Amino acid sequence: MKYNKLGNTDLEVSVICLGTMTFGEQNSEAEAHEQLNYAIEQGVNFIDTAELYAVPSTKENNGLTEKHIGTWLKARSDRDKIIVATKIAGPSPNLTYIRPSLNFSNAQINEAVEGSLRRLQTDYIDLYQLHWPERKVNFFGKRGYTFSDDTWEDNFLEILESMQSLIASGKVRHFGVSNETPWGLMHFIRLAEKHGLPRCVSIQNPYSLLNRTFEVGLAEVAIREQSGLLAYSPMGFGLLSGKYHKKQDSERDRLNKFKVMSRYNGDNSHKATGEYLKIAEKHGLSLAQLSLQFINTRPFTTSTIIGATTMAQLKENIESVQVDLSKDILKEINAVHEQIPNPAP
């Protein structure tokens, strides 16, 4: 396993982070523990979750992911060697079963943290992240930007002050954002500098061969401000495994089971994936490992968040760190990207 610094902190996180949103929906508690144990054995020390999970989120499965991780953590004696990241949900009219009022006020942040600590059965969270912005901006696959006066009032300073209080109490170690824009990330960073408040150490946004929009604007910020990318959906909900093109998919697979999740299921996404599959097979690689190692080697990436429903998938994904991508392979990847750019933003 390889490791990178988490922002400007002294934490070394594995370049592969175990994503857990299938725990409690597609994976049972026993399967979750099996994945966690195997990942740790392979040198993964970074686990990402959220109060929202499992996904798709329902009233019935909400919080199960953190609970499954919690029963696993409680049985271990090496909590200090495991870096746990979780997230507070942003506003959404469909998620009131999480809390009636979803916002980033000091009261809501503290209530969310206490809930996550209780479910995770731990005394502290290593990385606490805002799952998505409160204001109306592009995220979760939305194209185009139309500004609207949405009555949002700038509360970034209050958020940073809340994080400072949580860090001082020992309940949180570091602060990060997710699904954020260049303006949002820089605004947090500048306010932190001005007021001596906790610095944003990471940004968890989508990034894959099907969505390289992070490279426009955010990549430079991530590098220059030491707020590296935690890349989520690196496999495009499994499309970049190649199994759909090879007719090896099943009804259990995400794109088949959850038709409502159409972000990675467009014609251009399938077309681009077919081209990337040709590159992988030409060079004797699996498409999954090609896809993941491309992300692992980007200079703005801190860690790539993988998710798996089977142990075979998990093993293949973790082994991506051993793959070498030559200049020729990268040239061929970029040629496809030029032809079919960002089909799944």
Protein backbone atom coordinates (compact mmCIF):
# COMPACT_ATOMS: atom_id res chain seq x y z
CA MET A 1 0.00 0.00 0.00
CA LYS A 2 1.05 3.59 -0.60
CA TYR A 3 0.22 6.60 1.55
CA ASN A 4 -0.24 10.36 1.19
CA LYS A 5 -0.45 13.19 3.67
CA LEU A 6 -3.99 14.34 4.41
CA GLY A 7 -3.75 18.02 3.52
CA ASN A 8 -1.29 19.85 5.76
CA THR A 9 -1.85 17.44 8.66
CA ASP A 10 0.51 14.80 10.01
CA LEU A 11 -1.89 12.00 9.08
CA GLU A 12 -0.75 9.49 6.46
CA VAL A 13 -3.74 8.04 4.64
CA SER A 14 -3.70 5.09 2.25
CA VAL A 15 -4.14 5.99 -1.42
CA ILE A 16 -7.03 3.54 -1.38
CA CYS A 17 -9.86 4.54 0.95
CA LEU A 18 -12.62 2.04 1.69
CA GLY A 19 -15.99 3.50 0.76
CA THR A 20 -18.88 1.99 2.69
CA MET A 21 -22.19 3.22 1.31
CA THR A 22 -23.25 -0.34 0.36
CA PHE A 23 -23.09 -1.46 4.01
CA GLY A 24 -26.66 -1.88 5.20
CA GLU A 25 -28.20 -2.05 1.73
CA GLN A 26 -26.25 -4.29 -0.64
CA ASN A 27 -23.95 -5.68 2.05
CA SER A 28 -24.91 -7.23 5.37
CA GLU A 29 -23.15 -6.45 8.65
CA ALA A 30 -21.10 -9.65 8.35
CA GLU A 31 -20.07 -8.78 4.80
CA ALA A 32 -19.19 -5.26 5.90
CA HIS A 33 -16.91 -6.64 8.62
CA GLU A 34 -15.29 -9.01 6.14
CA GLN A 35 -14.52 -6.12 3.78
CA LEU A 36 -13.17 -3.98 6.59
CA ASN A 37 -10.93 -6.74 7.89
CA TYR A 38 -9.51 -7.53 4.47
CA ALA A 39 -8.90 -3.86 3.63
CA ILE A 40 -6.98 -3.31 6.88
CA GLU A 41 -4.92 -6.45 6.26
CA GLN A 42 -3.90 -5.00 2.87
CA GLY A 43 -2.68 -1.74 4.42
CA VAL A 44 -5.81 0.39 3.94
CA ASN A 45 -6.10 2.65 6.98
CA PHE A 46 -8.74 5.09 5.68
CA ILE A 47 -12.52 4.48 5.89
CA ASP A 48 -15.16 6.86 4.54
CA THR A 49 -18.82 6.92 5.53
CA ALA A 50 -21.68 9.37 6.15
CA GLU A 51 -24.72 9.82 8.34
CA LEU A 52 -26.78 9.55 5.13
CA TYR A 53 -25.63 6.01 4.27
CA ALA A 54 -26.64 3.37 3.17
CA VAL A 55 -27.32 4.41 -0.46
CA PRO A 56 -29.92 4.67 -1.85
CA SER A 57 -30.90 6.17 1.49
CA THR A 58 -34.24 5.25 3.03
CA LYS A 59 -35.80 5.76 6.44
CA GLU A 60 -35.24 2.06 7.11
CA ASN A 61 -31.54 1.84 6.21
CA ASN A 62 -30.46 5.30 7.32
CA GLY A 63 -27.51 5.15 9.71
CA LEU A 64 -26.92 1.44 9.19
CA THR A 65 -23.55 1.98 7.53
CA GLU A 66 -22.12 3.85 10.51
CA LYS A 67 -23.66 1.24 12.84
CA HIS A 68 -22.00 -1.64 10.98
CA ILE A 69 -18.65 0.16 11.12
CA GLY A 70 -19.26 0.87 14.80
CA THR A 71 -19.71 -2.77 15.79
CA TRP A 72 -16.48 -3.54 13.92
CA LEU A 73 -14.55 -0.69 15.56
CA LYS A 74 -15.75 -1.65 19.04
CA ALA A 75 -14.24 -5.13 18.69
CA ARG A 76 -10.79 -3.78 17.76
CA SER A 77 -7.92 -2.43 19.83
CA ASP A 78 -6.24 -0.37 17.07
CA ARG A 79 -8.65 2.57 16.72
CA ASP A 80 -5.70 4.99 16.82
CA LYS A 81 -4.31 3.47 13.61
CA ILE A 82 -7.59 3.72 11.66
CA ILE A 83 -8.62 7.01 10.06
CA VAL A 84 -12.39 7.35 10.01
CA ALA A 85 -14.11 10.00 7.89
CA THR A 86 -17.82 10.74 7.95
CA LYS A 87 -20.14 13.47 6.71
CA ILE A 88 -23.06 15.64 7.77
CA ALA A 89 -25.94 15.75 5.28
CA GLY A 90 -26.84 19.06 3.68
CA PRO A 91 -30.34 20.41 3.03
CA SER A 92 -32.76 18.11 1.21
CA PRO A 93 -36.57 17.97 1.41
CA ASN A 94 -36.44 14.19 0.94
CA LEU A 95 -34.16 13.43 3.90
CA THR A 96 -36.12 14.75 6.87
CA TYR A 97 -35.94 11.30 8.48
CA ILE A 98 -32.28 12.07 9.22
CA ARG A 99 -33.22 15.24 11.09
CA PRO A 100 -36.25 17.51 10.57
CA SER A 101 -33.94 20.45 9.86
CA LEU A 102 -30.86 19.80 7.73
CA ASN A 103 -28.44 22.70 7.73
CA PHE A 104 -24.95 23.62 8.91
CA SER A 105 -25.86 25.69 11.95
CA ASN A 106 -23.80 25.10 15.06
CA ALA A 107 -26.70 23.23 16.67
CA GLN A 108 -27.23 20.93 13.69
CA ILE A 109 -23.52 20.19 13.28
CA ASN A 110 -23.20 19.24 16.93
CA GLU A 111 -26.32 17.06 16.80
CA ALA A 112 -25.02 15.30 13.68
CA VAL A 113 -21.59 14.71 15.21
CA GLU A 114 -23.10 13.21 18.36
CA GLY A 115 -25.23 10.89 16.25
CA SER A 116 -22.27 9.70 14.20
CA LEU A 117 -20.10 9.18 17.29
CA ARG A 118 -22.85 7.10 18.87
CA ARG A 119 -23.39 4.92 15.78
CA LEU A 120 -19.65 4.54 15.12
CA GLN A 121 -19.04 3.69 18.81
CA THR A 122 -15.98 5.91 18.92
CA ASP A 123 -14.89 8.98 20.86
CA TYR A 124 -13.70 10.96 17.87
CA ILE A 125 -13.97 11.40 14.11
CA ASP A 126 -10.69 11.86 12.23
CA LEU A 127 -12.17 13.77 9.28
CA TYR A 128 -15.57 15.47 9.44
CA GLN A 129 -16.98 16.63 6.10
CA LEU A 130 -19.92 18.64 4.78
CA HIS A 131 -21.64 16.21 2.40
CA TRP A 132 -22.83 18.92 -0.02
CA PRO A 133 -23.24 22.71 0.09
CA GLU A 134 -26.24 24.47 1.57
CA ARG A 135 -26.38 26.97 -1.29
CA LYS A 136 -27.70 26.11 -4.76
CA VAL A 137 -24.73 25.01 -6.86
CA ASN A 138 -23.93 22.19 -9.25
CA PHE A 139 -23.44 18.76 -7.72
CA PHE A 140 -24.64 15.17 -8.19
CA GLY A 141 -24.46 15.31 -11.98
CA LYS A 142 -26.11 18.65 -12.68
CA ARG A 143 -24.89 20.34 -15.86
CA GLY A 144 -24.88 24.08 -16.43
CA TYR A 145 -25.12 26.80 -13.79
CA THR A 146 -27.97 29.22 -13.34
CA PHE A 147 -27.55 31.69 -10.50
CA SER A 148 -30.59 32.23 -8.34
CA ASP A 149 -31.09 34.33 -5.25
CA ASP A 150 -31.92 31.36 -3.05
CA THR A 151 -32.00 33.30 0.26
CA TRP A 152 -28.85 31.49 1.39
CA GLU A 153 -26.79 33.60 3.79
CA ASP A 154 -23.04 33.13 4.01
CA ASN A 155 -22.49 31.03 7.14
CA PHE A 156 -19.00 29.72 6.34
CA LEU A 157 -17.51 31.52 9.34
CA GLU A 158 -20.05 29.94 11.70
CA ILE A 159 -19.24 26.51 10.24
CA LEU A 160 -15.52 27.02 10.80
CA GLU A 161 -16.14 28.21 14.35
CA SER A 162 -18.24 25.08 14.97
CA MET A 163 -15.38 22.92 13.67
CA GLN A 164 -12.92 24.74 15.90
CA SER A 165 -15.09 24.01 18.92
CA LEU A 166 -15.41 20.33 17.98
CA ILE A 167 -11.67 20.03 17.43
CA ALA A 168 -10.97 21.71 20.77
CA SER A 169 -13.32 19.22 22.45
CA GLY A 170 -11.49 16.26 20.87
CA LYS A 171 -14.59 14.98 19.06
CA VAL A 172 -13.24 15.90 15.59
CA ARG A 173 -9.64 16.04 14.40
CA HIS A 174 -9.89 17.65 10.95
CA PHE A 175 -12.41 19.32 8.65
CA GLY A 176 -13.18 18.70 4.96
CA VAL A 177 -15.79 19.42 2.31
CA SER A 178 -17.54 17.40 -0.37
CA ASN A 179 -19.28 18.19 -3.67
CA GLU A 180 -17.83 21.69 -3.36
CA THR A 181 -16.84 24.27 -5.98
CA PRO A 182 -13.58 26.25 -6.40
CA TRP A 183 -15.27 29.31 -4.89
CA GLY A 184 -16.54 27.37 -1.90
CA LEU A 185 -13.22 25.69 -1.18
CA MET A 186 -11.22 28.91 -1.49
CA HIS A 187 -13.75 30.82 0.63
CA PHE A 188 -13.35 28.31 3.45
CA ILE A 189 -9.57 28.43 3.18
CA ARG A 190 -9.31 32.24 3.16
CA LEU A 191 -11.71 32.65 6.10
CA ALA A 192 -9.73 30.07 8.07
CA GLU A 193 -6.51 31.98 7.38
CA LYS A 194 -8.05 35.33 8.29
CA HIS A 195 -9.61 34.20 11.56
CA GLY A 196 -7.17 31.51 12.68
CA LEU A 197 -9.74 28.74 12.29
CA PRO A 198 -9.41 25.09 11.14
CA ARG A 199 -8.22 24.71 7.57
CA CYS A 200 -10.10 22.57 5.06
CA VAL A 201 -7.75 19.61 4.54
CA SER A 202 -9.61 17.73 1.81
CA ILE A 203 -12.34 17.86 -0.80
CA GLN A 204 -14.39 14.77 -1.62
CA ASN A 205 -15.74 15.16 -5.15
CA PRO A 206 -16.53 12.79 -8.02
CA TYR A 207 -13.59 11.95 -10.25
CA SER A 208 -13.20 9.15 -12.77
CA LEU A 209 -12.38 8.47 -16.41
CA LEU A 210 -16.02 9.44 -17.08
CA ASN A 211 -15.86 12.65 -15.07
CA ARG A 212 -12.66 14.69 -15.02
CA THR A 213 -14.34 18.05 -14.36
CA PHE A 214 -12.31 18.33 -11.14
CA GLU A 215 -9.33 19.14 -13.34
CA VAL A 216 -10.93 22.46 -14.32
CA GLY A 217 -10.44 24.87 -11.44
CA LEU A 218 -10.39 22.56 -8.43
CA ALA A 219 -7.23 20.62 -9.28
CA GLU A 220 -5.07 23.74 -9.01
CA VAL A 221 -6.69 24.73 -5.72
CA ALA A 222 -6.19 21.22 -4.32
CA ILE A 223 -2.48 21.29 -5.11
CA ARG A 224 -1.62 24.87 -4.21
CA GLU A 225 -3.73 24.95 -1.02
CA GLN A 226 -2.90 21.41 0.18
CA SER A 227 -6.54 20.36 0.16
CA GLY A 228 -6.30 17.15 -1.82
CA LEU A 229 -9.00 15.22 -3.62
CA LEU A 230 -10.74 12.25 -2.06
CA ALA A 231 -12.14 10.86 -5.29
CA TYR A 232 -15.55 9.25 -5.06
CA SER A 233 -17.37 7.18 -7.71
CA PRO A 234 -14.02 6.31 -9.35
CA MET A 235 -15.68 3.30 -10.99
CA GLY A 236 -18.77 5.12 -12.25
CA PHE A 237 -21.11 2.92 -10.17
CA GLY A 238 -19.35 -0.13 -11.58
CA LEU A 239 -19.60 0.78 -15.25
CA LEU A 240 -15.80 1.12 -15.40
CA SER A 241 -15.37 -2.46 -14.28
CA GLY A 242 -16.21 -3.50 -17.83
CA LYS A 243 -18.74 -6.10 -16.64
CA TYR A 244 -21.67 -4.44 -18.41
CA HIS A 245 -19.81 -4.42 -21.73
CA LYS A 246 -18.72 -8.02 -21.25
CA LYS A 247 -22.27 -9.07 -20.31
CA GLN A 248 -21.03 -10.25 -16.92
CA ASP A 249 -23.38 -8.05 -14.88
CA SER A 250 -26.20 -9.31 -12.69
CA GLU A 251 -29.48 -7.98 -11.32
CA ARG A 252 -27.64 -7.23 -8.06
CA ASP A 253 -25.28 -4.71 -9.68
CA ARG A 254 -25.97 -1.05 -8.94
CA LEU A 255 -26.83 0.19 -12.44
CA ASN A 256 -29.32 -2.66 -12.82
CA LYS A 257 -30.75 -2.62 -9.30
CA PHE A 258 -31.15 1.13 -8.94
CA LYS A 259 -32.46 2.42 -12.28
CA VAL A 260 -33.14 5.83 -10.75
CA MET A 261 -29.37 6.38 -10.46
CA SER A 262 -28.85 7.33 -14.11
CA ARG A 263 -25.78 9.54 -13.67
CA TYR A 264 -23.41 6.95 -15.17
CA ASN A 265 -25.83 5.20 -17.49
CA GLY A 266 -25.93 7.49 -20.53
CA ASP A 267 -25.01 6.47 -24.06
CA ASN A 268 -21.77 8.48 -24.07
CA SER A 269 -20.70 6.95 -20.77
CA HIS A 270 -21.13 3.47 -22.28
CA LYS A 271 -19.33 4.53 -25.44
CA ALA A 272 -16.36 6.01 -23.58
CA THR A 273 -16.17 2.99 -21.28
CA GLY A 274 -15.98 0.72 -24.32
CA GLU A 275 -12.95 2.69 -25.56
CA TYR A 276 -11.23 2.53 -22.17
CA LEU A 277 -11.88 -1.20 -22.06
CA LYS A 278 -10.04 -1.60 -25.36
CA ILE A 279 -7.02 0.23 -23.91
CA ALA A 280 -7.00 -1.96 -20.80
CA GLU A 281 -7.23 -5.20 -22.77
CA LYS A 282 -4.57 -4.05 -25.23
CA HIS A 283 -2.11 -3.62 -22.34
CA GLY A 284 -3.12 -6.71 -20.36
CA LEU A 285 -4.85 -4.83 -17.56
CA SER A 286 -8.30 -5.02 -16.05
CA LEU A 287 -10.43 -1.96 -16.76
CA ALA A 288 -11.04 -1.52 -13.02
CA GLN A 289 -7.34 -1.31 -12.25
CA LEU A 290 -6.68 0.99 -15.20
CA SER A 291 -9.48 3.28 -14.05
CA LEU A 292 -8.38 3.39 -10.42
CA GLN A 293 -4.66 3.74 -10.97
CA PHE A 294 -5.26 6.66 -13.33
CA ILE A 295 -6.85 8.46 -10.37
CA ASN A 296 -4.26 7.26 -7.85
CA THR A 297 -1.45 8.84 -9.86
CA ARG A 298 -2.98 12.31 -10.34
CA PRO A 299 -0.93 14.96 -8.47
CA PHE A 300 -4.03 16.44 -6.83
CA THR A 301 -5.35 13.11 -5.48
CA THR A 302 -4.92 12.26 -1.81
CA SER A 303 -6.96 9.06 -1.84
CA THR A 304 -9.34 7.14 -4.11
CA ILE A 305 -12.53 5.93 -2.45
CA ILE A 306 -13.40 2.45 -3.65
CA GLY A 307 -16.64 0.60 -2.99
CA ALA A 308 -17.37 -3.06 -3.55
CA THR A 309 -20.23 -5.47 -3.02
CA THR A 310 -18.10 -8.62 -3.34
CA MET A 311 -14.71 -9.63 -1.99
CA ALA A 312 -13.46 -10.30 -5.52
CA GLN A 313 -14.21 -6.70 -6.48
CA LEU A 314 -12.55 -5.42 -3.33
CA LYS A 315 -9.37 -7.40 -3.95
CA GLU A 316 -9.13 -6.25 -7.57
CA ASN A 317 -9.67 -2.63 -6.59
CA ILE A 318 -7.05 -2.63 -3.84
CA GLU A 319 -4.53 -4.31 -6.13
CA SER A 320 -4.78 -1.31 -8.49
CA VAL A 321 -2.00 0.38 -6.50
CA GLN A 322 0.45 -2.12 -8.01
CA VAL A 323 -0.42 -1.26 -11.63
CA ASP A 324 1.99 0.80 -13.71
CA LEU A 325 0.52 3.15 -16.31
CA SER A 326 3.05 3.94 -19.03
CA LYS A 327 3.20 7.20 -20.96
CA ASP A 328 1.65 5.39 -23.93
CA ILE A 329 -1.32 4.23 -21.84
CA LEU A 330 -1.86 7.74 -20.48
CA LYS A 331 -1.68 9.14 -24.01
CA GLU A 332 -4.35 6.70 -25.17
CA ILE A 333 -6.56 7.52 -22.17
CA ASN A 334 -6.31 11.22 -22.90
CA ALA A 335 -7.15 10.64 -26.55
CA VAL A 336 -10.47 9.06 -25.55
CA HIS A 337 -11.09 11.90 -23.11
CA GLU A 338 -10.58 14.44 -25.88
CA GLN A 339 -13.08 12.59 -28.06
CA ILE A 340 -15.73 11.98 -25.35
CA PRO A 341 -15.06 14.40 -22.47
CA ASN A 342 -16.83 14.05 -19.15
CA PRO A 343 -19.92 12.08 -20.19
CA ALA A 344 -20.96 11.65 -16.53
CA PRO A 345 -20.33 14.92 -14.64
